[in-house]
Amino acid sequence: MTGTLGVIGDLVQDVVVWKVEAERHATDTRAEIATQRGGSAANVAAFAGPRVPTRFIGCVGDDPAGHALRKELASHGVDVRLQVRDRTGTIVVLVDEDGERTMFPSRGASARLQAVDPSWLDGLDVLHCTGYSFEYGSTPDAVLDAVRRARSSGAAVSVDVSSVGLIEHLGRDRFLDLLMQCAPRYLSANRDEARLLGLAEGGRPGPNLGRFPDAVLLARAGADPTVVFHHGQPVVTVPVPPVPDIRDLTAAGDAFIAGYLADLLRHGWAPERNVVAGHALARRVLRSPGATEAST
């Protein structure tokens, strides 16, 4: 039986700028610009929604952007539960000619989440959150409270580390402490994040992985194989199929965790199969502009 995924965290408006030539300082640079739904947590929910029952919990402003984002996220089959205050957050995403991103976040209401209605956590099998939720404002306490309550009700907790910059901003020890408070069953990190936190490097466990003895660590490495660790040891290494027609890298990590968790909830824990599903969904997103899926 398919379980229910809960996702808590940021829902923002992305302004995505694709440069079509090298930047020309202090004058015009040709670009394509689009406005769309963003936020790492919301992206996970949007990608998972067509695949498994998914509920999103977050905070937006009482403004046109907030109303549009609620409607857009619901269009993916997501059960949307939003608090409303402040102004909706915005992130400017600058994509260079190679598809790499530089982000300029103004988180607005996404940093103002407060304790959520307990009924919003009812019936969840997995609650996923992102490292971005721990940056500042009232959201970190609200997310940690939701995580504790979901876990006490029997839900598994999933955390995506999200950002090297965020780890450096909060400090490695503080970030590790926040992760330990979450007690995640599933933990996702890219190569740089895993190395900085001392979780894994070069396919081997890092010195801090032992702090999460029961966690499944998904150690992603871009185009290189993903290594799955369990009980502190590697259990499977899964190659990443090549993607020759990458449009941009936006939300590829979000798509991976959405595909992984959706497959997990539909078929149970099967490390290689779950990761293959994550790679397949990430591949679709890499071939499409922004946090969207290619049609094939």
C-alpha atoms as a PDB file:
ATOM      1  CA  MET A   1       0.000   0.000   0.000  1.00  0.00           C
ATOM      2  CA  THR A   2       1.284   3.461  -0.895  1.00  0.00           C
ATOM      3  CA  GLY A   3       2.094   5.645   2.108  1.00  0.00           C
ATOM      4  CA  THR A   4       1.653   9.391   2.520  1.00  0.00           C
ATOM      5  CA  LEU A   5       4.521  11.850   2.231  1.00  0.00           C
ATOM      6  CA  GLY A   6       4.555  15.088   4.194  1.00  0.00           C
ATOM      7  CA  VAL A   7       6.905  17.910   3.240  1.00  0.00           C
ATOM      8  CA  ILE A   8       7.463  20.940   5.460  1.00  0.00           C
ATOM      9  CA  GLY A   9       9.440  24.058   4.620  1.00  0.00           C
ATOM     10  CA  ASP A  10       9.884  26.759   2.018  1.00  0.00           C
ATOM     11  CA  LEU A  11       7.489  27.800  -0.726  1.00  0.00           C
ATOM     12  CA  VAL A  12       8.756  30.861  -2.577  1.00  0.00           C
ATOM     13  CA  GLN A  13       8.621  32.595  -5.928  1.00  0.00           C
ATOM     14  CA  ASP A  14      11.681  31.929  -8.081  1.00  0.00           C
ATOM     15  CA  VAL A  15      12.843  34.493 -10.609  1.00  0.00           C
ATOM     16  CA  VAL A  16      15.109  32.423 -12.860  1.00  0.00           C
ATOM     17  CA  VAL A  17      17.606  34.249 -15.093  1.00  0.00           C
ATOM     18  CA  TRP A  18      19.317  32.140 -17.788  1.00  0.00           C
ATOM     19  CA  LYS A  19      22.313  33.949 -19.226  1.00  0.00           C
ATOM     20  CA  VAL A  20      22.714  33.301 -22.958  1.00  0.00           C
ATOM     21  CA  GLU A  21      26.096  35.005 -23.176  1.00  0.00           C
ATOM     22  CA  ALA A  22      28.980  35.752 -20.853  1.00  0.00           C
ATOM     23  CA  GLU A  23      28.177  38.450 -18.331  1.00  0.00           C
ATOM     24  CA  ARG A  24      28.957  41.957 -19.532  1.00  0.00           C
ATOM     25  CA  HIS A  25      29.743  44.014 -16.458  1.00  0.00           C
ATOM     26  CA  ALA A  26      27.918  47.336 -15.998  1.00  0.00           C
ATOM     27  CA  THR A  27      25.841  46.948 -19.163  1.00  0.00           C
ATOM     28  CA  ASP A  28      23.232  44.667 -20.736  1.00  0.00           C
ATOM     29  CA  THR A  29      23.740  40.885 -20.817  1.00  0.00           C
ATOM     30  CA  ARG A  30      21.342  38.878 -22.977  1.00  0.00           C
ATOM     31  CA  ALA A  31      19.170  36.546 -20.871  1.00  0.00           C
ATOM     32  CA  GLU A  32      15.912  34.642 -20.661  1.00  0.00           C
ATOM     33  CA  ILE A  33      13.854  35.262 -17.503  1.00  0.00           C
ATOM     34  CA  ALA A  34      10.953  33.295 -16.016  1.00  0.00           C
ATOM     35  CA  THR A  35       8.984  33.470 -12.777  1.00  0.00           C
ATOM     36  CA  GLN A  36       7.905  30.156 -11.254  1.00  0.00           C
ATOM     37  CA  ARG A  37       7.314  28.181  -8.076  1.00  0.00           C
ATOM     38  CA  GLY A  38      10.406  27.584  -5.984  1.00  0.00           C
ATOM     39  CA  GLY A  39      11.630  26.547  -2.593  1.00  0.00           C
ATOM     40  CA  SER A  40      13.438  23.254  -2.037  1.00  0.00           C
ATOM     41  CA  ALA A  41      10.667  21.750   0.099  1.00  0.00           C
ATOM     42  CA  ALA A  42       7.911  22.858  -2.282  1.00  0.00           C
ATOM     43  CA  ASN A  43       9.844  21.424  -5.234  1.00  0.00           C
ATOM     44  CA  VAL A  44      10.020  18.026  -3.515  1.00  0.00           C
ATOM     45  CA  ALA A  45       6.264  18.133  -2.898  1.00  0.00           C
ATOM     46  CA  ALA A  46       5.500  19.160  -6.490  1.00  0.00           C
ATOM     47  CA  PHE A  47       7.617  16.356  -7.944  1.00  0.00           C
ATOM     48  CA  ALA A  48       6.245  13.745  -5.514  1.00  0.00           C
ATOM     49  CA  GLY A  49       2.586  14.827  -5.805  1.00  0.00           C
ATOM     50  CA  PRO A  50       1.796  13.025  -9.076  1.00  0.00           C
ATOM     51  CA  ARG A  51       3.429   9.850  -7.749  1.00  0.00           C
ATOM     52  CA  VAL A  52       2.295   9.393  -4.126  1.00  0.00           C
ATOM     53  CA  PRO A  53      -0.194  11.099  -1.773  1.00  0.00           C
ATOM     54  CA  THR A  54       1.689  14.242  -0.714  1.00  0.00           C
ATOM     55  CA  ARG A  55       0.950  17.020   1.785  1.00  0.00           C
ATOM     56  CA  PHE A  56       2.858  20.295   1.910  1.00  0.00           C
ATOM     57  CA  ILE A  57       3.119  22.498   5.008  1.00  0.00           C
ATOM     58  CA  GLY A  58       4.552  26.004   4.779  1.00  0.00           C
ATOM     59  CA  CYS A  59       3.971  29.746   5.015  1.00  0.00           C
ATOM     60  CA  VAL A  60       3.337  32.411   2.367  1.00  0.00           C
ATOM     61  CA  GLY A  61       2.178  36.011   2.318  1.00  0.00           C
ATOM     62  CA  ASP A  62      -1.365  37.258   1.698  1.00  0.00           C
ATOM     63  CA  ASP A  63      -0.354  38.581  -1.707  1.00  0.00           C
ATOM     64  CA  PRO A  64      -0.728  37.639  -5.385  1.00  0.00           C
ATOM     65  CA  ALA A  65       2.441  35.535  -5.336  1.00  0.00           C
ATOM     66  CA  GLY A  66       1.249  33.540  -2.328  1.00  0.00           C
ATOM     67  CA  HIS A  67      -2.164  32.859  -3.870  1.00  0.00           C
ATOM     68  CA  ALA A  68      -0.598  31.828  -7.192  1.00  0.00           C
ATOM     69  CA  LEU A  69       1.906  29.516  -5.505  1.00  0.00           C
ATOM     70  CA  ARG A  70      -0.831  27.775  -3.500  1.00  0.00           C
ATOM     71  CA  LYS A  71      -2.792  27.131  -6.700  1.00  0.00           C
ATOM     72  CA  GLU A  72       0.283  25.983  -8.648  1.00  0.00           C
ATOM     73  CA  LEU A  73       1.390  23.531  -5.982  1.00  0.00           C
ATOM     74  CA  ALA A  74      -2.125  22.100  -5.673  1.00  0.00           C
ATOM     75  CA  SER A  75      -2.153  21.541  -9.459  1.00  0.00           C
ATOM     76  CA  HIS A  76       0.422  18.779  -8.910  1.00  0.00           C
ATOM     77  CA  GLY A  77      -2.013  16.852  -6.716  1.00  0.00           C
ATOM     78  CA  VAL A  78      -0.504  18.163  -3.475  1.00  0.00           C
ATOM     79  CA  ASP A  79      -2.645  18.660  -0.351  1.00  0.00           C
ATOM     80  CA  VAL A  80      -1.511  22.226   0.477  1.00  0.00           C
ATOM     81  CA  ARG A  81      -1.638  23.455   4.093  1.00  0.00           C
ATOM     82  CA  LEU A  82      -0.363  27.025   4.437  1.00  0.00           C
ATOM     83  CA  GLN A  83      -0.066  29.596   7.169  1.00  0.00           C
ATOM     84  CA  VAL A  84      -0.352  33.174   5.881  1.00  0.00           C
ATOM     85  CA  ARG A  85       1.672  36.120   7.173  1.00  0.00           C
ATOM     86  CA  ASP A  86       4.290  38.666   6.091  1.00  0.00           C
ATOM     87  CA  ARG A  87       5.144  38.647   2.355  1.00  0.00           C
ATOM     88  CA  THR A  88       5.864  35.724   0.097  1.00  0.00           C
ATOM     89  CA  GLY A  89       9.570  34.936  -0.244  1.00  0.00           C
ATOM     90  CA  THR A  90      11.467  35.415  -3.492  1.00  0.00           C
ATOM     91  CA  ILE A  91      14.695  33.840  -4.754  1.00  0.00           C
ATOM     92  CA  VAL A  92      16.560  35.133  -7.799  1.00  0.00           C
ATOM     93  CA  VAL A  93      18.308  32.201  -9.483  1.00  0.00           C
ATOM     94  CA  LEU A  94      21.096  33.108 -11.897  1.00  0.00           C
ATOM     95  CA  VAL A  95      21.917  30.239 -14.295  1.00  0.00           C
ATOM     96  CA  ASP A  96      25.153  30.488 -16.245  1.00  0.00           C
ATOM     97  CA  GLU A  97      25.925  29.115 -19.698  1.00  0.00           C
ATOM     98  CA  ASP A  98      26.919  25.715 -18.216  1.00  0.00           C
ATOM     99  CA  GLY A  99      23.693  25.332 -16.236  1.00  0.00           C
ATOM    100  CA  GLU A 100      25.252  26.100 -12.841  1.00  0.00           C
ATOM    101  CA  ARG A 101      23.236  28.253 -10.444  1.00  0.00           C
ATOM    102  CA  THR A 102      23.887  31.189  -8.131  1.00  0.00           C
ATOM    103  CA  MET A 103      20.989  32.029  -5.805  1.00  0.00           C
ATOM    104  CA  PHE A 104      19.961  35.266  -4.112  1.00  0.00           C
ATOM    105  CA  PRO A 105      17.284  34.422  -1.497  1.00  0.00           C
ATOM    106  CA  SER A 106      14.905  36.758   0.304  1.00  0.00           C
ATOM    107  CA  ARG A 107      12.906  34.194   2.281  1.00  0.00           C
ATOM    108  CA  GLY A 108      10.051  36.392   3.572  1.00  0.00           C
ATOM    109  CA  ALA A 109       7.158  34.324   4.924  1.00  0.00           C
ATOM    110  CA  SER A 110       9.003  31.026   4.452  1.00  0.00           C
ATOM    111  CA  ALA A 111      11.098  32.005   7.497  1.00  0.00           C
ATOM    112  CA  ARG A 112       7.978  32.887   9.536  1.00  0.00           C
ATOM    113  CA  LEU A 113       6.314  29.475   9.941  1.00  0.00           C
ATOM    114  CA  GLN A 114       4.924  28.936  13.437  1.00  0.00           C
ATOM    115  CA  ALA A 115       3.759  25.796  15.274  1.00  0.00           C
ATOM    116  CA  VAL A 116       1.560  23.884  12.841  1.00  0.00           C
ATOM    117  CA  ASP A 117      -1.939  22.540  13.419  1.00  0.00           C
ATOM    118  CA  PRO A 118      -1.480  18.982  14.788  1.00  0.00           C
ATOM    119  CA  SER A 119      -4.063  17.689  12.309  1.00  0.00           C
ATOM    120  CA  TRP A 120      -1.747  18.695   9.459  1.00  0.00           C
ATOM    121  CA  LEU A 121       0.598  15.896  10.554  1.00  0.00           C
ATOM    122  CA  ASP A 122      -2.073  13.190  10.776  1.00  0.00           C
ATOM    123  CA  GLY A 123      -1.557  10.062   8.696  1.00  0.00           C
ATOM    124  CA  LEU A 124       1.958  10.794   7.470  1.00  0.00           C
ATOM    125  CA  ASP A 125       4.314   7.893   6.850  1.00  0.00           C
ATOM    126  CA  VAL A 126       7.326  10.104   6.085  1.00  0.00           C
ATOM    127  CA  LEU A 127       7.894  13.768   6.937  1.00  0.00           C
ATOM    128  CA  HIS A 128      10.581  15.408   4.812  1.00  0.00           C
ATOM    129  CA  CYS A 129      12.287  18.702   5.616  1.00  0.00           C
ATOM    130  CA  THR A 130      15.243  20.612   4.209  1.00  0.00           C
ATOM    131  CA  GLY A 131      18.247  22.288   5.753  1.00  0.00           C
ATOM    132  CA  TYR A 132      16.946  25.646   4.515  1.00  0.00           C
ATOM    133  CA  SER A 133      14.249  25.452   7.204  1.00  0.00           C
ATOM    134  CA  PHE A 134      16.919  25.916   9.878  1.00  0.00           C
ATOM    135  CA  GLU A 135      18.326  29.192   8.600  1.00  0.00           C
ATOM    136  CA  TYR A 136      16.544  31.823  10.719  1.00  0.00           C
ATOM    137  CA  GLY A 137      13.217  33.209  11.956  1.00  0.00           C
ATOM    138  CA  SER A 138      10.516  31.141  13.658  1.00  0.00           C
ATOM    139  CA  THR A 139      10.625  28.343  11.080  1.00  0.00           C
ATOM    140  CA  PRO A 140      13.445  26.283  12.679  1.00  0.00           C
ATOM    141  CA  ASP A 141      11.531  25.825  15.943  1.00  0.00           C
ATOM    142  CA  ALA A 142       8.263  25.117  14.098  1.00  0.00           C
ATOM    143  CA  VAL A 143       9.892  22.479  11.896  1.00  0.00           C
ATOM    144  CA  LEU A 144      11.708  20.793  14.782  1.00  0.00           C
ATOM    145  CA  ASP A 145       8.442  20.661  16.737  1.00  0.00           C
ATOM    146  CA  ALA A 146       6.630  19.138  13.744  1.00  0.00           C
ATOM    147  CA  VAL A 147       9.428  16.608  13.274  1.00  0.00           C
ATOM    148  CA  ARG A 148       9.239  15.511  16.913  1.00  0.00           C
ATOM    149  CA  ARG A 149       5.463  15.146  16.812  1.00  0.00           C
ATOM    150  CA  ALA A 150       5.489  13.273  13.506  1.00  0.00           C
ATOM    151  CA  ARG A 151       8.177  10.927  14.781  1.00  0.00           C
ATOM    152  CA  SER A 152       6.230  10.272  17.999  1.00  0.00           C
ATOM    153  CA  SER A 153       3.258   9.280  15.834  1.00  0.00           C
ATOM    154  CA  GLY A 154       5.340   6.710  13.983  1.00  0.00           C
ATOM    155  CA  ALA A 155       6.382   8.670  10.895  1.00  0.00           C
ATOM    156  CA  ALA A 156       9.912   8.375   9.539  1.00  0.00           C
ATOM    157  CA  VAL A 157      11.828  11.640   9.150  1.00  0.00           C
ATOM    158  CA  SER A 158      13.758  12.572   6.016  1.00  0.00           C
ATOM    159  CA  VAL A 159      16.186  15.503   5.817  1.00  0.00           C
ATOM    160  CA  ASP A 160      18.002  16.974   2.820  1.00  0.00           C
ATOM    161  CA  VAL A 161      21.101  18.908   3.907  1.00  0.00           C
ATOM    162  CA  SER A 162      20.497  21.458   1.107  1.00  0.00           C
ATOM    163  CA  SER A 163      23.442  23.868   1.107  1.00  0.00           C
ATOM    164  CA  VAL A 164      27.146  24.200   1.910  1.00  0.00           C
ATOM    165  CA  GLY A 165      26.586  27.932   2.330  1.00  0.00           C
ATOM    166  CA  LEU A 166      23.915  27.266   4.943  1.00  0.00           C
ATOM    167  CA  ILE A 167      26.211  24.906   6.877  1.00  0.00           C
ATOM    168  CA  GLU A 168      28.951  27.545   6.853  1.00  0.00           C
ATOM    169  CA  HIS A 169      26.476  30.225   7.939  1.00  0.00           C
ATOM    170  CA  LEU A 170      25.153  28.217  10.897  1.00  0.00           C
ATOM    171  CA  GLY A 171      28.431  26.487  11.710  1.00  0.00           C
ATOM    172  CA  ARG A 172      29.137  22.788  11.229  1.00  0.00           C
ATOM    173  CA  ASP A 173      28.636  21.802  14.872  1.00  0.00           C
ATOM    174  CA  ARG A 174      25.332  23.638  15.159  1.00  0.00           C
ATOM    175  CA  PHE A 175      24.102  22.136  11.904  1.00  0.00           C
ATOM    176  CA  LEU A 176      25.053  18.633  13.024  1.00  0.00           C
ATOM    177  CA  ASP A 177      23.203  19.244  16.294  1.00  0.00           C
ATOM    178  CA  LEU A 178      20.068  20.264  14.378  1.00  0.00           C
ATOM    179  CA  LEU A 179      20.311  17.108  12.281  1.00  0.00           C
ATOM    180  CA  MET A 180      20.659  15.004  15.415  1.00  0.00           C
ATOM    181  CA  GLN A 181      17.532  16.639  16.868  1.00  0.00           C
ATOM    182  CA  CYS A 182      15.676  15.552  13.733  1.00  0.00           C
ATOM    183  CA  ALA A 183      16.905  11.944  14.177  1.00  0.00           C
ATOM    184  CA  PRO A 184      16.391  11.292  10.443  1.00  0.00           C
ATOM    185  CA  ARG A 185      15.827   7.833   9.073  1.00  0.00           C
ATOM    186  CA  TYR A 186      16.747   9.140   5.612  1.00  0.00           C
ATOM    187  CA  LEU A 187      19.456  11.761   5.113  1.00  0.00           C
ATOM    188  CA  SER A 188      20.450  13.180   1.725  1.00  0.00           C
ATOM    189  CA  ALA A 189      23.593  15.199   0.988  1.00  0.00           C
ATOM    190  CA  ASN A 190      25.653  16.016  -2.062  1.00  0.00           C
ATOM    191  CA  ARG A 191      29.404  15.422  -2.186  1.00  0.00           C
ATOM    192  CA  ASP A 192      30.441  18.826  -0.797  1.00  0.00           C
ATOM    193  CA  GLU A 193      27.804  18.778   1.960  1.00  0.00           C
ATOM    194  CA  ALA A 194      28.694  15.250   3.033  1.00  0.00           C
ATOM    195  CA  ARG A 195      32.407  16.104   3.123  1.00  0.00           C
ATOM    196  CA  LEU A 196      31.903  19.338   5.090  1.00  0.00           C
ATOM    197  CA  LEU A 197      29.725  17.594   7.686  1.00  0.00           C
ATOM    198  CA  GLY A 198      32.086  14.636   7.948  1.00  0.00           C
ATOM    199  CA  LEU A 199      29.379  12.180   6.840  1.00  0.00           C
ATOM    200  CA  ALA A 200      31.075  10.574   3.842  1.00  0.00           C
ATOM    201  CA  GLU A 201      33.850  11.119   1.347  1.00  0.00           C
ATOM    202  CA  GLY A 202      35.020   9.118  -1.635  1.00  0.00           C
ATOM    203  CA  GLY A 203      32.494   6.342  -1.060  1.00  0.00           C
ATOM    204  CA  ARG A 204      33.680   5.829   2.523  1.00  0.00           C
ATOM    205  CA  PRO A 205      31.932   6.742   5.795  1.00  0.00           C
ATOM    206  CA  GLY A 206      33.058   9.962   7.464  1.00  0.00           C
ATOM    207  CA  PRO A 207      33.889  10.476  11.138  1.00  0.00           C
ATOM    208  CA  ASN A 208      30.488  11.971  11.964  1.00  0.00           C
ATOM    209  CA  LEU A 209      28.294   9.378  10.265  1.00  0.00           C
ATOM    210  CA  GLY A 210      28.332   7.405  13.515  1.00  0.00           C
ATOM    211  CA  ARG A 211      26.209  10.150  15.080  1.00  0.00           C
ATOM    212  CA  PHE A 212      23.350   8.828  12.950  1.00  0.00           C
ATOM    213  CA  PRO A 213      23.597   5.072  13.567  1.00  0.00           C
ATOM    214  CA  ASP A 214      20.138   4.203  12.255  1.00  0.00           C
ATOM    215  CA  ALA A 215      20.036   6.594   9.303  1.00  0.00           C
ATOM    216  CA  VAL A 216      20.148   5.764   5.613  1.00  0.00           C
ATOM    217  CA  LEU A 217      22.559   8.268   4.071  1.00  0.00           C
ATOM    218  CA  LEU A 218      22.107   9.035   0.376  1.00  0.00           C
ATOM    219  CA  ALA A 219      25.511  10.410  -0.626  1.00  0.00           C
ATOM    220  CA  ARG A 220      24.988  12.058  -4.004  1.00  0.00           C
ATOM    221  CA  ALA A 221      27.883  13.069  -6.234  1.00  0.00           C
ATOM    222  CA  GLY A 222      26.441  14.725  -9.332  1.00  0.00           C
ATOM    223  CA  ALA A 223      27.239  12.650 -12.401  1.00  0.00           C
ATOM    224  CA  ASP A 224      29.251  10.194 -10.299  1.00  0.00           C
ATOM    225  CA  PRO A 225      27.593   7.234  -8.539  1.00  0.00           C
ATOM    226  CA  THR A 226      25.334   7.705  -5.532  1.00  0.00           C
ATOM    227  CA  VAL A 227      26.450   5.709  -2.496  1.00  0.00           C
ATOM    228  CA  VAL A 228      23.876   4.497   0.032  1.00  0.00           C
ATOM    229  CA  PHE A 229      25.092   4.035   3.607  1.00  0.00           C
ATOM    230  CA  HIS A 230      23.147   2.198   6.327  1.00  0.00           C
ATOM    231  CA  HIS A 231      24.265   1.623   9.901  1.00  0.00           C
ATOM    232  CA  GLY A 232      27.380   3.608   9.045  1.00  0.00           C
ATOM    233  CA  GLN A 233      28.532   1.410   6.153  1.00  0.00           C
ATOM    234  CA  PRO A 234      28.080   1.535   2.352  1.00  0.00           C
ATOM    235  CA  VAL A 235      25.433  -0.937   1.187  1.00  0.00           C
ATOM    236  CA  VAL A 236      25.102  -0.126  -2.517  1.00  0.00           C
ATOM    237  CA  THR A 237      26.690   2.135  -5.132  1.00  0.00           C
ATOM    238  CA  VAL A 238      24.349   3.197  -7.935  1.00  0.00           C
ATOM    239  CA  PRO A 239      25.723   4.677 -11.195  1.00  0.00           C
ATOM    240  CA  VAL A 240      24.108   7.817 -12.591  1.00  0.00           C
ATOM    241  CA  PRO A 241      23.053   7.455 -16.251  1.00  0.00           C
ATOM    242  CA  PRO A 242      24.499  10.248 -18.428  1.00  0.00           C
ATOM    243  CA  VAL A 243      22.282  13.222 -19.236  1.00  0.00           C
ATOM    244  CA  PRO A 244      23.583  14.714 -22.497  1.00  0.00           C
ATOM    245  CA  ASP A 245      21.021  17.512 -22.887  1.00  0.00           C
ATOM    246  CA  ILE A 246      21.077  19.305 -19.510  1.00  0.00           C
ATOM    247  CA  ARG A 247      19.017  22.526 -19.497  1.00  0.00           C
ATOM    248  CA  ASP A 248      19.943  23.632 -15.976  1.00  0.00           C
ATOM    249  CA  LEU A 249      20.662  22.131 -12.551  1.00  0.00           C
ATOM    250  CA  THR A 250      17.825  23.854 -10.674  1.00  0.00           C
ATOM    251  CA  ALA A 251      15.953  21.444  -8.356  1.00  0.00           C
ATOM    252  CA  ALA A 252      17.768  18.309  -9.538  1.00  0.00           C
ATOM    253  CA  GLY A 253      18.534  17.377  -5.928  1.00  0.00           C
ATOM    254  CA  ASP A 254      14.912  18.022  -4.944  1.00  0.00           C
ATOM    255  CA  ALA A 255      13.762  15.779  -7.784  1.00  0.00           C
ATOM    256  CA  PHE A 256      16.123  13.029  -6.670  1.00  0.00           C
ATOM    257  CA  ILE A 257      14.782  12.943  -3.109  1.00  0.00           C
ATOM    258  CA  ALA A 258      11.176  13.166  -4.381  1.00  0.00           C
ATOM    259  CA  GLY A 259      11.721  10.210  -6.688  1.00  0.00           C
ATOM    260  CA  TYR A 260      13.517   8.261  -3.981  1.00  0.00           C
ATOM    261  CA  LEU A 261      10.834   8.835  -1.320  1.00  0.00           C
ATOM    262  CA  ALA A 262       7.963   8.207  -3.745  1.00  0.00           C
ATOM    263  CA  ASP A 263       9.440   4.856  -4.733  1.00  0.00           C
ATOM    264  CA  LEU A 264      10.147   4.034  -1.091  1.00  0.00           C
ATOM    265  CA  LEU A 265       6.538   4.728  -0.119  1.00  0.00           C
ATOM    266  CA  ARG A 266       5.170   2.725  -3.044  1.00  0.00           C
ATOM    267  CA  HIS A 267       7.468  -0.297  -2.921  1.00  0.00           C
ATOM    268  CA  GLY A 268       9.262  -0.297   0.441  1.00  0.00           C
ATOM    269  CA  TRP A 269      12.964   0.061   1.153  1.00  0.00           C
ATOM    270  CA  ALA A 270      14.982  -1.413  -1.708  1.00  0.00           C
ATOM    271  CA  PRO A 271      18.188   0.673  -1.786  1.00  0.00           C
ATOM    272  CA  GLU A 272      19.168   0.289  -5.427  1.00  0.00           C
ATOM    273  CA  ARG A 273      15.631   0.471  -6.801  1.00  0.00           C
ATOM    274  CA  ASN A 274      14.782   3.575  -4.718  1.00  0.00           C
ATOM    275  CA  VAL A 275      17.935   5.387  -5.865  1.00  0.00           C
ATOM    276  CA  VAL A 276      17.351   4.459  -9.519  1.00  0.00           C
ATOM    277  CA  ALA A 277      13.892   6.053  -9.234  1.00  0.00           C
ATOM    278  CA  GLY A 278      15.491   9.173  -7.780  1.00  0.00           C
ATOM    279  CA  HIS A 279      17.998   9.357 -10.624  1.00  0.00           C
ATOM    280  CA  ALA A 280      15.247   8.929 -13.215  1.00  0.00           C
ATOM    281  CA  LEU A 281      13.218  11.846 -11.890  1.00  0.00           C
ATOM    282  CA  ALA A 282      16.293  14.052 -11.498  1.00  0.00           C
ATOM    283  CA  ARG A 283      17.168  13.323 -15.136  1.00  0.00           C
ATOM    284  CA  ARG A 284      13.745  14.603 -16.248  1.00  0.00           C
ATOM    285  CA  VAL A 285      14.264  17.814 -14.286  1.00  0.00           C
ATOM    286  CA  LEU A 286      17.807  18.373 -15.566  1.00  0.00           C
ATOM    287  CA  ARG A 287      16.379  18.361 -19.097  1.00  0.00           C
ATOM    288  CA  SER A 288      13.778  21.035 -18.306  1.00  0.00           C
ATOM    289  CA  PRO A 289      14.189  24.717 -17.349  1.00  0.00           C
ATOM    290  CA  GLY A 290      13.806  25.529 -13.664  1.00  0.00           C
ATOM    291  CA  ALA A 291      11.969  23.301 -11.183  1.00  0.00           C
ATOM    292  CA  THR A 292       9.935  21.515 -13.869  1.00  0.00           C
ATOM    293  CA  GLU A 293       9.921  18.094 -15.543  1.00  0.00           C
ATOM    294  CA  ALA A 294      10.643  17.301 -19.160  1.00  0.00           C
ATOM    295  CA  SER A 295       7.672  15.609 -20.805  1.00  0.00           C
ATOM    296  CA  THR A 296       9.723  12.518 -21.721  1.00  0.00           C
END
